[in-house]
């Protein structure tokens, strides 16, 4: 078991600039031989709530920047209709 934790359990898309998540996954797969990757979140996640509600994060610019990695996922969720607003956060 090799664990990575970050706000919102976000895994940014792979790009030319390596980040902490991609470097950690690369190490786990190449150096340790990890074959299965599981992304596991939790209910009532503050990061997901901030993304879903478009909360202003001016006092936390690093958090705001980090949460933008979830913009593509947010766009998918925004296209759906939710009977209960909490279902949107837990999507």
PDB file of N, CA and C in Angstrom:
ATOM      1  N   UNK A   1       0.848  -1.182   0.000  1.00  0.00           N
ATOM      2  CA  UNK A   1       0.000   0.000   0.000  1.00  0.00           C
ATOM      3  C   UNK A   1       0.883   1.231   0.000  1.00  0.00           C
ATOM      4  N   UNK A   2       0.702   2.092  -0.971  1.00  0.00           N
ATOM      5  CA  UNK A   2       1.457   3.336  -1.094  1.00  0.00           C
ATOM      6  C   UNK A   2       0.427   4.445  -1.183  1.00  0.00           C
ATOM      7  N   UNK A   3       0.428   5.369  -0.248  1.00  0.00           N
ATOM      8  CA  UNK A   3      -0.640   6.366  -0.128  1.00  0.00           C
ATOM      9  C   UNK A   3      -0.134   7.760  -0.490  1.00  0.00           C
ATOM     10  N   UNK A   4      -0.930   8.474  -1.279  1.00  0.00           N
ATOM     11  CA  UNK A   4      -0.719   9.894  -1.576  1.00  0.00           C
ATOM     12  C   UNK A   4      -1.958  10.617  -1.055  1.00  0.00           C
ATOM     13  N   UNK A   5      -1.765  11.693  -0.340  1.00  0.00           N
ATOM     14  CA  UNK A   5      -2.911  12.474   0.133  1.00  0.00           C
ATOM     15  C   UNK A   5      -2.749  13.914  -0.313  1.00  0.00           C
ATOM     16  N   UNK A   6      -3.852  14.509  -0.754  1.00  0.00           N
ATOM     17  CA  UNK A   6      -3.857  15.932  -1.072  1.00  0.00           C
ATOM     18  C   UNK A   6      -5.286  16.453  -0.993  1.00  0.00           C
ATOM     19  N   UNK A   7      -5.420  17.755  -1.014  1.00  0.00           N
ATOM     20  CA  UNK A   7      -6.741  18.380  -0.935  1.00  0.00           C
ATOM     21  C   UNK A   7      -7.591  17.941  -2.119  1.00  0.00           C
ATOM     22  N   UNK A   8      -8.742  17.368  -1.831  1.00  0.00           N
ATOM     23  CA  UNK A   8      -9.682  16.981  -2.870  1.00  0.00           C
ATOM     24  C   UNK A   8      -9.355  15.698  -3.604  1.00  0.00           C
ATOM     25  N   UNK A   9      -8.280  15.013  -3.225  1.00  0.00           N
ATOM     26  CA  UNK A   9      -7.878  13.789  -3.928  1.00  0.00           C
ATOM     27  C   UNK A   9      -7.770  14.022  -5.429  1.00  0.00           C
ATOM     28  N   UNK A  10      -7.219  15.164  -5.788  1.00  0.00           N
ATOM     29  CA  UNK A  10      -7.105  15.562  -7.187  1.00  0.00           C
ATOM     30  C   UNK A  10      -5.827  14.980  -7.792  1.00  0.00           C
ATOM     31  N   UNK A  11      -5.972  14.410  -8.988  1.00  0.00           N
ATOM     32  CA  UNK A  11      -4.820  13.934  -9.753  1.00  0.00           C
ATOM     33  C   UNK A  11      -4.788  14.760 -11.035  1.00  0.00           C
ATOM     34  N   UNK A  12      -3.882  15.742 -11.107  1.00  0.00           N
ATOM     35  CA  UNK A  12      -3.821  16.584 -12.304  1.00  0.00           C
ATOM     36  C   UNK A  12      -3.483  15.769 -13.548  1.00  0.00           C
ATOM     37  N   UNK A  13      -3.949  16.245 -14.692  1.00  0.00           N
ATOM     38  CA  UNK A  13      -3.589  15.613 -15.962  1.00  0.00           C
ATOM     39  C   UNK A  13      -2.082  15.669 -16.130  1.00  0.00           C
ATOM     40  N   UNK A  14      -1.536  14.642 -16.748  1.00  0.00           N
ATOM     41  CA  UNK A  14      -0.097  14.599 -16.981  1.00  0.00           C
ATOM     42  C   UNK A  14       0.285  15.703 -17.952  1.00  0.00           C
ATOM     43  N   UNK A  15       1.370  16.375 -17.691  1.00  0.00           N
ATOM     44  CA  UNK A  15       1.818  17.461 -18.554  1.00  0.00           C
ATOM     45  C   UNK A  15       3.329  17.567 -18.563  1.00  0.00           C
ATOM     46  N   UNK A  16       3.837  18.588 -19.246  1.00  0.00           N
ATOM     47  CA  UNK A  16       5.287  18.736 -19.368  1.00  0.00           C
ATOM     48  C   UNK A  16       5.978  19.070 -18.046  1.00  0.00           C
ATOM     49  N   UNK A  17       5.279  19.715 -17.142  1.00  0.00           N
ATOM     50  CA  UNK A  17       5.847  20.056 -15.839  1.00  0.00           C
ATOM     51  C   UNK A  17       5.448  18.984 -14.833  1.00  0.00           C
ATOM     52  N   UNK A  18       6.408  18.202 -14.349  1.00  0.00           N
ATOM     53  CA  UNK A  18       6.048  17.169 -13.370  1.00  0.00           C
ATOM     54  C   UNK A  18       5.619  17.802 -12.051  1.00  0.00           C
ATOM     55  N   UNK A  19       4.629  17.213 -11.446  1.00  0.00           N
ATOM     56  CA  UNK A  19       4.154  17.688 -10.156  1.00  0.00           C
ATOM     57  C   UNK A  19       4.345  16.621  -9.105  1.00  0.00           C
ATOM     58  N   UNK A  20       3.991  16.954  -7.886  1.00  0.00           N
ATOM     59  CA  UNK A  20       4.165  16.017  -6.783  1.00  0.00           C
ATOM     60  C   UNK A  20       3.351  14.750  -6.935  1.00  0.00           C
ATOM     61  N   UNK A  21       2.125  14.880  -7.437  1.00  0.00           N
ATOM     62  CA  UNK A  21       1.275  13.701  -7.592  1.00  0.00           C
ATOM     63  C   UNK A  21       1.830  12.791  -8.686  1.00  0.00           C
ATOM     64  N   UNK A  22       2.154  13.364  -9.842  1.00  0.00           N
ATOM     65  CA  UNK A  22       2.669  12.523 -10.935  1.00  0.00           C
ATOM     66  C   UNK A  22       4.015  11.903 -10.572  1.00  0.00           C
ATOM     67  N   UNK A  23       4.861  12.649  -9.871  1.00  0.00           N
ATOM     68  CA  UNK A  23       6.150  12.094  -9.452  1.00  0.00           C
ATOM     69  C   UNK A  23       5.963  10.949  -8.465  1.00  0.00           C
ATOM     70  N   UNK A  24       5.008  11.097  -7.571  1.00  0.00           N
ATOM     71  CA  UNK A  24       4.750  10.055  -6.580  1.00  0.00           C
ATOM     72  C   UNK A  24       4.170   8.813  -7.240  1.00  0.00           C
ATOM     73  N   UNK A  25       3.245   8.997  -8.172  1.00  0.00           N
ATOM     74  CA  UNK A  25       2.677   7.854  -8.890  1.00  0.00           C
ATOM     75  C   UNK A  25       3.760   7.171  -9.722  1.00  0.00           C
ATOM     76  N   UNK A  26       4.587   7.957 -10.391  1.00  0.00           N
ATOM     77  CA  UNK A  26       5.680   7.391 -11.180  1.00  0.00           C
ATOM     78  C   UNK A  26       6.610   6.553 -10.308  1.00  0.00           C
ATOM     79  N   UNK A  27       6.959   7.059  -9.149  1.00  0.00           N
ATOM     80  CA  UNK A  27       7.829   6.319  -8.231  1.00  0.00           C
ATOM     81  C   UNK A  27       7.164   5.012  -7.797  1.00  0.00           C
ATOM     82  N   UNK A  28       5.881   5.100  -7.440  1.00  0.00           N
ATOM     83  CA  UNK A  28       5.174   3.904  -6.984  1.00  0.00           C
ATOM     84  C   UNK A  28       5.138   2.833  -8.070  1.00  0.00           C
ATOM     85  N   UNK A  29       4.861   3.246  -9.305  1.00  0.00           N
ATOM     86  CA  UNK A  29       4.740   2.290 -10.409  1.00  0.00           C
ATOM     87  C   UNK A  29       6.103   1.751 -10.842  1.00  0.00           C
ATOM     88  N   UNK A  30       7.066   2.638 -11.045  1.00  0.00           N
ATOM     89  CA  UNK A  30       8.363   2.223 -11.593  1.00  0.00           C
ATOM     90  C   UNK A  30       9.256   1.598 -10.528  1.00  0.00           C
ATOM     91  N   UNK A  31       9.417   2.270  -9.410  1.00  0.00           N
ATOM     92  CA  UNK A  31      10.369   1.789  -8.397  1.00  0.00           C
ATOM     93  C   UNK A  31       9.797   0.683  -7.521  1.00  0.00           C
ATOM     94  N   UNK A  32       8.502   0.780  -7.225  1.00  0.00           N
ATOM     95  CA  UNK A  32       7.909  -0.187  -6.298  1.00  0.00           C
ATOM     96  C   UNK A  32       7.070  -1.256  -6.976  1.00  0.00           C
ATOM     97  N   UNK A  33       6.795  -1.102  -8.269  1.00  0.00           N
ATOM     98  CA  UNK A  33       6.024  -2.109  -8.989  1.00  0.00           C
ATOM     99  C   UNK A  33       4.533  -2.087  -8.709  1.00  0.00           C
ATOM    100  N   UNK A  34       4.014  -0.962  -8.260  1.00  0.00           N
ATOM    101  CA  UNK A  34       2.570  -0.853  -8.005  1.00  0.00           C
ATOM    102  C   UNK A  34       1.825  -1.061  -9.320  1.00  0.00           C
ATOM    103  N   UNK A  35       0.794  -1.908  -9.290  1.00  0.00           N
ATOM    104  CA  UNK A  35       0.029  -2.199 -10.509  1.00  0.00           C
ATOM    105  C   UNK A  35      -1.394  -1.662 -10.467  1.00  0.00           C
ATOM    106  N   UNK A  36      -1.904  -1.380  -9.294  1.00  0.00           N
ATOM    107  CA  UNK A  36      -3.273  -0.884  -9.156  1.00  0.00           C
ATOM    108  C   UNK A  36      -3.252   0.462  -8.445  1.00  0.00           C
ATOM    109  N   UNK A  37      -4.003   1.415  -8.997  1.00  0.00           N
ATOM    110  CA  UNK A  37      -4.113   2.742  -8.394  1.00  0.00           C
ATOM    111  C   UNK A  37      -5.579   2.992  -8.087  1.00  0.00           C
ATOM    112  N   UNK A  38      -5.870   3.368  -6.857  1.00  0.00           N
ATOM    113  CA  UNK A  38      -7.230   3.649  -6.410  1.00  0.00           C
ATOM    114  C   UNK A  38      -7.277   5.088  -5.920  1.00  0.00           C
ATOM    115  N   UNK A  39      -8.240   5.850  -6.412  1.00  0.00           N
ATOM    116  CA  UNK A  39      -8.448   7.208  -5.914  1.00  0.00           C
ATOM    117  C   UNK A  39      -9.674   7.146  -5.022  1.00  0.00           C
ATOM    118  N   UNK A  40      -9.479   7.446  -3.768  1.00  0.00           N
ATOM    119  CA  UNK A  40     -10.544   7.293  -2.784  1.00  0.00           C
ATOM    120  C   UNK A  40     -10.792   8.618  -2.076  1.00  0.00           C
ATOM    121  N   UNK A  41     -11.978   9.137  -2.217  1.00  0.00           N
ATOM    122  CA  UNK A  41     -12.355  10.371  -1.541  1.00  0.00           C
ATOM    123  C   UNK A  41     -13.188  10.075  -0.315  1.00  0.00           C
ATOM    124  N   UNK A  42     -13.795  11.115   0.220  1.00  0.00           N
ATOM    125  CA  UNK A  42     -14.655  10.949   1.391  1.00  0.00           C
ATOM    126  C   UNK A  42     -15.831  11.911   1.277  1.00  0.00           C
ATOM    127  N   UNK A  43     -16.879  11.634   2.022  1.00  0.00           N
ATOM    128  CA  UNK A  43     -18.058  12.493   1.985  1.00  0.00           C
ATOM    129  C   UNK A  43     -17.766  13.815   2.688  1.00  0.00           C
ATOM    130  N   UNK A  44     -18.539  14.825   2.326  1.00  0.00           N
ATOM    131  CA  UNK A  44     -18.412  16.164   2.912  1.00  0.00           C
ATOM    132  C   UNK A  44     -17.006  16.735   2.763  1.00  0.00           C
ATOM    133  N   UNK A  45     -16.384  16.498   1.637  1.00  0.00           N
ATOM    134  CA  UNK A  45     -15.032  16.996   1.368  1.00  0.00           C
ATOM    135  C   UNK A  45     -15.086  18.512   1.159  1.00  0.00           C
ATOM    136  N   UNK A  46     -14.320  19.236   1.944  1.00  0.00           N
ATOM    137  CA  UNK A  46     -14.299  20.693   1.847  1.00  0.00           C
ATOM    138  C   UNK A  46     -13.792  21.185   0.503  1.00  0.00           C
ATOM    139  N   UNK A  47     -12.806  20.499  -0.055  1.00  0.00           N
ATOM    140  CA  UNK A  47     -12.270  20.900  -1.360  1.00  0.00           C
ATOM    141  C   UNK A  47     -13.330  20.738  -2.447  1.00  0.00           C
ATOM    142  N   UNK A  48     -14.038  19.622  -2.440  1.00  0.00           N
ATOM    143  CA  UNK A  48     -15.077  19.396  -3.445  1.00  0.00           C
ATOM    144  C   UNK A  48     -16.232  20.376  -3.260  1.00  0.00           C
ATOM    145  N   UNK A  49     -16.560  20.697  -2.020  1.00  0.00           N
ATOM    146  CA  UNK A  49     -17.612  21.683  -1.752  1.00  0.00           C
ATOM    147  C   UNK A  49     -17.198  23.049  -2.287  1.00  0.00           C
ATOM    148  N   UNK A  50     -15.949  23.432  -2.076  1.00  0.00           N
ATOM    149  CA  UNK A  50     -15.459  24.717  -2.584  1.00  0.00           C
ATOM    150  C   UNK A  50     -15.536  24.763  -4.106  1.00  0.00           C
ATOM    151  N   UNK A  51     -15.207  23.652  -4.756  1.00  0.00           N
ATOM    152  CA  UNK A  51     -15.272  23.587  -6.221  1.00  0.00           C
ATOM    153  C   UNK A  51     -16.725  23.656  -6.689  1.00  0.00           C
ATOM    154  N   UNK A  52     -17.589  22.871  -6.080  1.00  0.00           N
ATOM    155  CA  UNK A  52     -18.991  22.806  -6.499  1.00  0.00           C
ATOM    156  C   UNK A  52     -19.707  24.132  -6.289  1.00  0.00           C
ATOM    157  N   UNK A  53     -19.395  24.813  -5.199  1.00  0.00           N
ATOM    158  CA  UNK A  53     -20.074  26.069  -4.867  1.00  0.00           C
ATOM    159  C   UNK A  53     -19.361  27.292  -5.420  1.00  0.00           C
ATOM    160  N   UNK A  54     -18.237  27.087  -6.101  1.00  0.00           N
ATOM    161  CA  UNK A  54     -17.420  28.195  -6.608  1.00  0.00           C
ATOM    162  C   UNK A  54     -17.135  29.214  -5.513  1.00  0.00           C
ATOM    163  N   UNK A  55     -16.747  28.716  -4.358  1.00  0.00           N
ATOM    164  CA  UNK A  55     -16.463  29.585  -3.222  1.00  0.00           C
ATOM    165  C   UNK A  55     -15.227  30.439  -3.503  1.00  0.00           C
ATOM    166  N   UNK A  56     -15.266  31.719  -3.092  1.00  0.00           N
ATOM    167  CA  UNK A  56     -14.073  32.560  -3.265  1.00  0.00           C
ATOM    168  C   UNK A  56     -12.950  32.078  -2.352  1.00  0.00           C
ATOM    169  N   UNK A  57     -11.782  31.953  -2.903  1.00  0.00           N
ATOM    170  CA  UNK A  57     -10.638  31.462  -2.137  1.00  0.00           C
ATOM    171  C   UNK A  57      -9.492  32.472  -2.151  1.00  0.00           C
ATOM    172  N   UNK A  58      -9.827  33.757  -2.215  1.00  0.00           N
ATOM    173  CA  UNK A  58      -8.807  34.804  -2.279  1.00  0.00           C
ATOM    174  C   UNK A  58      -7.768  34.712  -1.167  1.00  0.00           C
ATOM    175  N   UNK A  59      -8.166  34.385   0.082  1.00  0.00           N
ATOM    176  CA  UNK A  59      -7.153  34.308   1.133  1.00  0.00           C
ATOM    177  C   UNK A  59      -6.242  33.075   1.007  1.00  0.00           C
ATOM    178  N   UNK A  60      -6.595  32.160   0.100  1.00  0.00           N
ATOM    179  CA  UNK A  60      -5.819  30.921  -0.057  1.00  0.00           C
ATOM    180  C   UNK A  60      -5.455  30.718  -1.529  1.00  0.00           C
ATOM    181  N   UNK A  61      -4.529  31.518  -2.067  1.00  0.00           N
ATOM    182  CA  UNK A  61      -4.222  31.416  -3.501  1.00  0.00           C
ATOM    183  C   UNK A  61      -3.643  30.068  -3.921  1.00  0.00           C
ATOM    184  N   UNK A  62      -2.876  29.425  -3.064  1.00  0.00           N
ATOM    185  CA  UNK A  62      -2.322  28.112  -3.423  1.00  0.00           C
ATOM    186  C   UNK A  62      -3.431  27.070  -3.521  1.00  0.00           C
ATOM    187  N   UNK A  63      -4.384  27.136  -2.609  1.00  0.00           N
ATOM    188  CA  UNK A  63      -5.532  26.214  -2.651  1.00  0.00           C
ATOM    189  C   UNK A  63      -6.351  26.485  -3.907  1.00  0.00           C
ATOM    190  N   UNK A  64      -6.612  27.755  -4.190  1.00  0.00           N
ATOM    191  CA  UNK A  64      -7.385  28.110  -5.385  1.00  0.00           C
ATOM    192  C   UNK A  64      -6.705  27.572  -6.641  1.00  0.00           C
ATOM    193  N   UNK A  65      -5.397  27.732  -6.735  1.00  0.00           N
ATOM    194  CA  UNK A  65      -4.648  27.223  -7.895  1.00  0.00           C
ATOM    195  C   UNK A  65      -4.769  25.700  -7.984  1.00  0.00           C
ATOM    196  N   UNK A  66      -4.609  25.024  -6.860  1.00  0.00           N
ATOM    197  CA  UNK A  66      -4.681  23.562  -6.831  1.00  0.00           C
ATOM    198  C   UNK A  66      -6.049  23.071  -7.290  1.00  0.00           C
ATOM    199  N   UNK A  67      -7.109  23.697  -6.801  1.00  0.00           N
ATOM    200  CA  UNK A  67      -8.458  23.236  -7.124  1.00  0.00           C
ATOM    201  C   UNK A  67      -8.799  23.426  -8.599  1.00  0.00           C
ATOM    202  N   UNK A  68      -8.099  24.318  -9.293  1.00  0.00           N
ATOM    203  CA  UNK A  68      -8.351  24.488 -10.730  1.00  0.00           C
ATOM    204  C   UNK A  68      -7.984  23.239 -11.531  1.00  0.00           C
ATOM    205  N   UNK A  69      -7.188  22.351 -10.956  1.00  0.00           N
ATOM    206  CA  UNK A  69      -6.889  21.098 -11.647  1.00  0.00           C
ATOM    207  C   UNK A  69      -8.145  20.236 -11.802  1.00  0.00           C
ATOM    208  N   UNK A  70      -9.186  20.553 -11.065  1.00  0.00           N
ATOM    209  CA  UNK A  70     -10.436  19.791 -11.148  1.00  0.00           C
ATOM    210  C   UNK A  70     -11.455  20.454 -12.071  1.00  0.00           C
ATOM    211  N   UNK A  71     -11.072  21.503 -12.798  1.00  0.00           N
ATOM    212  CA  UNK A  71     -12.020  22.215 -13.661  1.00  0.00           C
ATOM    213  C   UNK A  71     -12.683  21.311 -14.698  1.00  0.00           C
ATOM    214  N   UNK A  72     -11.932  20.407 -15.306  1.00  0.00           N
ATOM    215  CA  UNK A  72     -12.516  19.520 -16.323  1.00  0.00           C
ATOM    216  C   UNK A  72     -13.559  18.602 -15.700  1.00  0.00           C
ATOM    217  N   UNK A  73     -13.260  18.078 -14.515  1.00  0.00           N
ATOM    218  CA  UNK A  73     -14.228  17.218 -13.827  1.00  0.00           C
ATOM    219  C   UNK A  73     -15.461  18.023 -13.428  1.00  0.00           C
ATOM    220  N   UNK A  74     -15.248  19.262 -12.985  1.00  0.00           N
ATOM    221  CA  UNK A  74     -16.377  20.114 -12.603  1.00  0.00           C
ATOM    222  C   UNK A  74     -17.290  20.354 -13.802  1.00  0.00           C
ATOM    223  N   UNK A  75     -16.714  20.574 -14.978  1.00  0.00           N
ATOM    224  CA  UNK A  75     -17.512  20.811 -16.180  1.00  0.00           C
ATOM    225  C   UNK A  75     -18.417  19.622 -16.486  1.00  0.00           C
ATOM    226  N   UNK A  76     -17.927  18.413 -16.292  1.00  0.00           N
ATOM    227  CA  UNK A  76     -18.737  17.209 -16.512  1.00  0.00           C
ATOM    228  C   UNK A  76     -19.889  17.161 -15.516  1.00  0.00           C
ATOM    229  N   UNK A  77     -19.591  17.435 -14.250  1.00  0.00           N
ATOM    230  CA  UNK A  77     -20.610  17.388 -13.197  1.00  0.00           C
ATOM    231  C   UNK A  77     -21.654  18.482 -13.410  1.00  0.00           C
ATOM    232  N   UNK A  78     -21.227  19.661 -13.857  1.00  0.00           N
ATOM    233  CA  UNK A  78     -22.143  20.786 -14.055  1.00  0.00           C
ATOM    234  C   UNK A  78     -23.182  20.506 -15.140  1.00  0.00           C
ATOM    235  N   UNK A  79     -22.894  19.607 -16.066  1.00  0.00           N
ATOM    236  CA  UNK A  79     -23.832  19.302 -17.144  1.00  0.00           C
ATOM    237  C   UNK A  79     -25.022  18.476 -16.662  1.00  0.00           C
ATOM    238  N   UNK A  80     -24.887  17.863 -15.492  1.00  0.00           N
ATOM    239  CA  UNK A  80     -25.946  16.997 -14.982  1.00  0.00           C
ATOM    240  C   UNK A  80     -26.941  17.788 -14.140  1.00  0.00           C
ATOM    241  N   UNK A  81     -28.136  17.230 -13.990  1.00  0.00           N
ATOM    242  CA  UNK A  81     -29.151  17.802 -13.109  1.00  0.00           C
ATOM    243  C   UNK A  81     -29.198  16.961 -11.846  1.00  0.00           C
ATOM    244  N   UNK A  82     -29.198  17.619 -10.701  1.00  0.00           N
ATOM    245  CA  UNK A  82     -29.155  16.921  -9.421  1.00  0.00           C
ATOM    246  C   UNK A  82     -30.436  17.189  -8.635  1.00  0.00           C
ATOM    247  N   UNK A  83     -31.095  16.119  -8.180  1.00  0.00           N
ATOM    248  CA  UNK A  83     -32.301  16.254  -7.364  1.00  0.00           C
ATOM    249  C   UNK A  83     -31.954  16.847  -6.002  1.00  0.00           C
ATOM    250  N   UNK A  84     -30.812  16.453  -5.481  1.00  0.00           N
ATOM    251  CA  UNK A  84     -30.360  16.920  -4.172  1.00  0.00           C
ATOM    252  C   UNK A  84     -28.996  17.583  -4.361  1.00  0.00           C
ATOM    253  N   UNK A  85     -28.832  18.837  -3.933  1.00  0.00           N
ATOM    254  CA  UNK A  85     -27.552  19.535  -4.141  1.00  0.00           C
ATOM    255  C   UNK A  85     -26.343  18.805  -3.560  1.00  0.00           C
ATOM    256  N   UNK A  86     -26.525  18.056  -2.486  1.00  0.00           N
ATOM    257  CA  UNK A  86     -25.390  17.346  -1.888  1.00  0.00           C
ATOM    258  C   UNK A  86     -24.886  16.242  -2.816  1.00  0.00           C
ATOM    259  N   UNK A  87     -25.767  15.714  -3.668  1.00  0.00           N
ATOM    260  CA  UNK A  87     -25.345  14.690  -4.627  1.00  0.00           C
ATOM    261  C   UNK A  87     -24.313  15.245  -5.602  1.00  0.00           C
ATOM    262  N   UNK A  88     -24.428  16.530  -5.917  1.00  0.00           N
ATOM    263  CA  UNK A  88     -23.467  17.181  -6.804  1.00  0.00           C
ATOM    264  C   UNK A  88     -22.075  17.187  -6.171  1.00  0.00           C
ATOM    265  N   UNK A  89     -22.012  17.465  -4.889  1.00  0.00           N
ATOM    266  CA  UNK A  89     -20.732  17.495  -4.179  1.00  0.00           C
ATOM    267  C   UNK A  89     -20.141  16.097  -4.094  1.00  0.00           C
ATOM    268  N   UNK A  90     -20.988  15.102  -3.922  1.00  0.00           N
ATOM    269  CA  UNK A  90     -20.520  13.726  -3.750  1.00  0.00           C
ATOM    270  C   UNK A  90     -20.313  12.989  -5.070  1.00  0.00           C
ATOM    271  N   UNK A  91     -20.540  13.669  -6.195  1.00  0.00           N
ATOM    272  CA  UNK A  91     -20.413  13.016  -7.507  1.00  0.00           C
ATOM    273  C   UNK A  91     -18.984  12.613  -7.787  1.00  0.00           C
TER     274      UNK A  91
END
